[in-house]
């Protein structure tokens, strides 16, 4: 049986932002998501696939069977015909949504 591929979004940090990270990696970008998300996808019968913020969203949706956006900033409300909330930044940039 072929498991459905579920793309999981995450966040990008600089190595120095990660507690107890190696000094040699202090300037390196690090992509992460919480393991609870991938565990939930596996428990639901899927195969989690990490989606880095650089991934082309159009290419991603052609390859995955589902998408788990793991939270964070909101998707820009303009994209679904609503007005932005003052002081909130859209998630579009960090999640790669276009």
C-alpha atoms as a PDB file:
ATOM      1  CA  UNK A   1       0.000   0.000   0.000  1.00  0.00           C
ATOM      2  CA  UNK A   2       1.326   3.390  -1.002  1.00  0.00           C
ATOM      3  CA  UNK A   3       1.136   5.890   1.870  1.00  0.00           C
ATOM      4  CA  UNK A   4      -0.142   9.391   1.087  1.00  0.00           C
ATOM      5  CA  UNK A   5       2.610  12.032   1.148  1.00  0.00           C
ATOM      6  CA  UNK A   6       1.742  14.851   3.525  1.00  0.00           C
ATOM      7  CA  UNK A   7       3.833  18.009   3.221  1.00  0.00           C
ATOM      8  CA  UNK A   8       4.637  19.564   6.606  1.00  0.00           C
ATOM      9  CA  UNK A   9       5.658  23.211   6.843  1.00  0.00           C
ATOM     10  CA  UNK A  10       8.026  24.458   9.499  1.00  0.00           C
ATOM     11  CA  UNK A  11      10.203  27.396  10.421  1.00  0.00           C
ATOM     12  CA  UNK A  12      13.712  28.521   9.639  1.00  0.00           C
ATOM     13  CA  UNK A  13      16.106  29.689  12.309  1.00  0.00           C
ATOM     14  CA  UNK A  14      19.745  30.702  12.388  1.00  0.00           C
ATOM     15  CA  UNK A  15      21.894  28.182  14.235  1.00  0.00           C
ATOM     16  CA  UNK A  16      22.642  30.650  17.035  1.00  0.00           C
ATOM     17  CA  UNK A  17      18.907  30.714  17.870  1.00  0.00           C
ATOM     18  CA  UNK A  18      18.912  27.005  18.733  1.00  0.00           C
ATOM     19  CA  UNK A  19      19.831  26.275  22.349  1.00  0.00           C
ATOM     20  CA  UNK A  20      22.962  24.137  22.777  1.00  0.00           C
ATOM     21  CA  UNK A  21      23.717  24.183  19.052  1.00  0.00           C
ATOM     22  CA  UNK A  22      27.325  23.802  17.937  1.00  0.00           C
ATOM     23  CA  UNK A  23      29.213  27.082  17.637  1.00  0.00           C
ATOM     24  CA  UNK A  24      30.394  26.013  14.180  1.00  0.00           C
ATOM     25  CA  UNK A  25      26.753  26.092  13.036  1.00  0.00           C
ATOM     26  CA  UNK A  26      25.884  29.463  14.591  1.00  0.00           C
ATOM     27  CA  UNK A  27      25.490  31.185  11.208  1.00  0.00           C
ATOM     28  CA  UNK A  28      23.859  28.244   9.417  1.00  0.00           C
ATOM     29  CA  UNK A  29      20.157  28.298   8.568  1.00  0.00           C
ATOM     30  CA  UNK A  30      18.238  25.437  10.184  1.00  0.00           C
ATOM     31  CA  UNK A  31      14.790  24.251   9.089  1.00  0.00           C
ATOM     32  CA  UNK A  32      12.641  22.667  11.794  1.00  0.00           C
ATOM     33  CA  UNK A  33       9.146  21.532  12.671  1.00  0.00           C
ATOM     34  CA  UNK A  34       7.866  19.927  15.845  1.00  0.00           C
ATOM     35  CA  UNK A  35       7.989  16.127  15.846  1.00  0.00           C
ATOM     36  CA  UNK A  36       4.398  15.980  17.120  1.00  0.00           C
ATOM     37  CA  UNK A  37       3.274  17.007  13.631  1.00  0.00           C
ATOM     38  CA  UNK A  38       5.119  14.231  11.835  1.00  0.00           C
ATOM     39  CA  UNK A  39       4.052  11.703  14.482  1.00  0.00           C
ATOM     40  CA  UNK A  40       0.410  12.691  13.958  1.00  0.00           C
ATOM     41  CA  UNK A  41       0.734  12.273  10.190  1.00  0.00           C
ATOM     42  CA  UNK A  42       2.239   8.791  10.667  1.00  0.00           C
ATOM     43  CA  UNK A  43      -0.481   7.820  13.160  1.00  0.00           C
ATOM     44  CA  UNK A  44      -3.098   8.936  10.637  1.00  0.00           C
ATOM     45  CA  UNK A  45      -1.555   6.663   7.996  1.00  0.00           C
ATOM     46  CA  UNK A  46       0.466   9.206   6.035  1.00  0.00           C
ATOM     47  CA  UNK A  47       4.121   9.763   5.249  1.00  0.00           C
ATOM     48  CA  UNK A  48       5.335  13.199   6.418  1.00  0.00           C
ATOM     49  CA  UNK A  49       7.577  15.166   4.068  1.00  0.00           C
ATOM     50  CA  UNK A  50       9.347  18.302   5.298  1.00  0.00           C
ATOM     51  CA  UNK A  51       8.691  21.344   3.106  1.00  0.00           C
ATOM     52  CA  UNK A  52      11.444  23.952   3.447  1.00  0.00           C
ATOM     53  CA  UNK A  53      10.441  27.582   2.968  1.00  0.00           C
ATOM     54  CA  UNK A  54      12.389  27.643  -0.322  1.00  0.00           C
ATOM     55  CA  UNK A  55      10.188  24.987  -1.927  1.00  0.00           C
ATOM     56  CA  UNK A  56       8.168  26.134  -4.926  1.00  0.00           C
ATOM     57  CA  UNK A  57       4.522  25.886  -3.782  1.00  0.00           C
ATOM     58  CA  UNK A  58       3.291  25.048  -7.292  1.00  0.00           C
ATOM     59  CA  UNK A  59       5.698  22.115  -7.489  1.00  0.00           C
ATOM     60  CA  UNK A  60       4.776  20.970  -3.985  1.00  0.00           C
ATOM     61  CA  UNK A  61       1.031  20.726  -4.576  1.00  0.00           C
ATOM     62  CA  UNK A  62       1.645  18.581  -7.659  1.00  0.00           C
ATOM     63  CA  UNK A  63       3.621  16.040  -5.599  1.00  0.00           C
ATOM     64  CA  UNK A  64       1.939  15.785  -2.192  1.00  0.00           C
ATOM     65  CA  UNK A  65      -1.427  14.298  -1.311  1.00  0.00           C
ATOM     66  CA  UNK A  66      -2.042  16.702   1.552  1.00  0.00           C
ATOM     67  CA  UNK A  67      -0.555  19.698   3.312  1.00  0.00           C
ATOM     68  CA  UNK A  68      -0.169  20.343   7.034  1.00  0.00           C
ATOM     69  CA  UNK A  69       0.511  24.014   7.740  1.00  0.00           C
ATOM     70  CA  UNK A  70       1.896  23.887  11.241  1.00  0.00           C
ATOM     71  CA  UNK A  71       0.781  27.240  12.552  1.00  0.00           C
ATOM     72  CA  UNK A  72       2.479  30.521  13.027  1.00  0.00           C
ATOM     73  CA  UNK A  73       1.597  33.731  11.324  1.00  0.00           C
ATOM     74  CA  UNK A  74      -1.605  33.951   9.363  1.00  0.00           C
ATOM     75  CA  UNK A  75      -1.972  33.567   5.637  1.00  0.00           C
ATOM     76  CA  UNK A  76      -2.433  37.031   4.137  1.00  0.00           C
ATOM     77  CA  UNK A  77      -6.232  37.605   4.271  1.00  0.00           C
ATOM     78  CA  UNK A  78      -6.083  39.493   0.960  1.00  0.00           C
ATOM     79  CA  UNK A  79      -5.519  36.088  -0.671  1.00  0.00           C
ATOM     80  CA  UNK A  80      -9.040  35.025   0.318  1.00  0.00           C
ATOM     81  CA  UNK A  81     -10.780  38.372  -0.176  1.00  0.00           C
ATOM     82  CA  UNK A  82     -10.573  39.747   3.375  1.00  0.00           C
ATOM     83  CA  UNK A  83      -8.906  42.785   4.937  1.00  0.00           C
ATOM     84  CA  UNK A  84      -5.650  42.396   6.875  1.00  0.00           C
ATOM     85  CA  UNK A  85      -5.706  42.800  10.661  1.00  0.00           C
ATOM     86  CA  UNK A  86      -3.607  45.785  11.757  1.00  0.00           C
ATOM     87  CA  UNK A  87      -0.251  44.747  13.191  1.00  0.00           C
ATOM     88  CA  UNK A  88      -0.310  41.168  11.891  1.00  0.00           C
ATOM     89  CA  UNK A  89       2.095  39.896   9.279  1.00  0.00           C
ATOM     90  CA  UNK A  90       0.969  37.266   6.782  1.00  0.00           C
ATOM     91  CA  UNK A  91       2.426  33.760   6.758  1.00  0.00           C
ATOM     92  CA  UNK A  92       2.827  33.751   2.982  1.00  0.00           C
ATOM     93  CA  UNK A  93       6.545  34.493   3.053  1.00  0.00           C
ATOM     94  CA  UNK A  94       7.515  31.974   5.752  1.00  0.00           C
ATOM     95  CA  UNK A  95       5.258  29.148   4.554  1.00  0.00           C
ATOM     96  CA  UNK A  96       5.988  29.568   0.896  1.00  0.00           C
ATOM     97  CA  UNK A  97       2.300  29.970   0.067  1.00  0.00           C
ATOM     98  CA  UNK A  98       1.685  31.795  -3.198  1.00  0.00           C
END
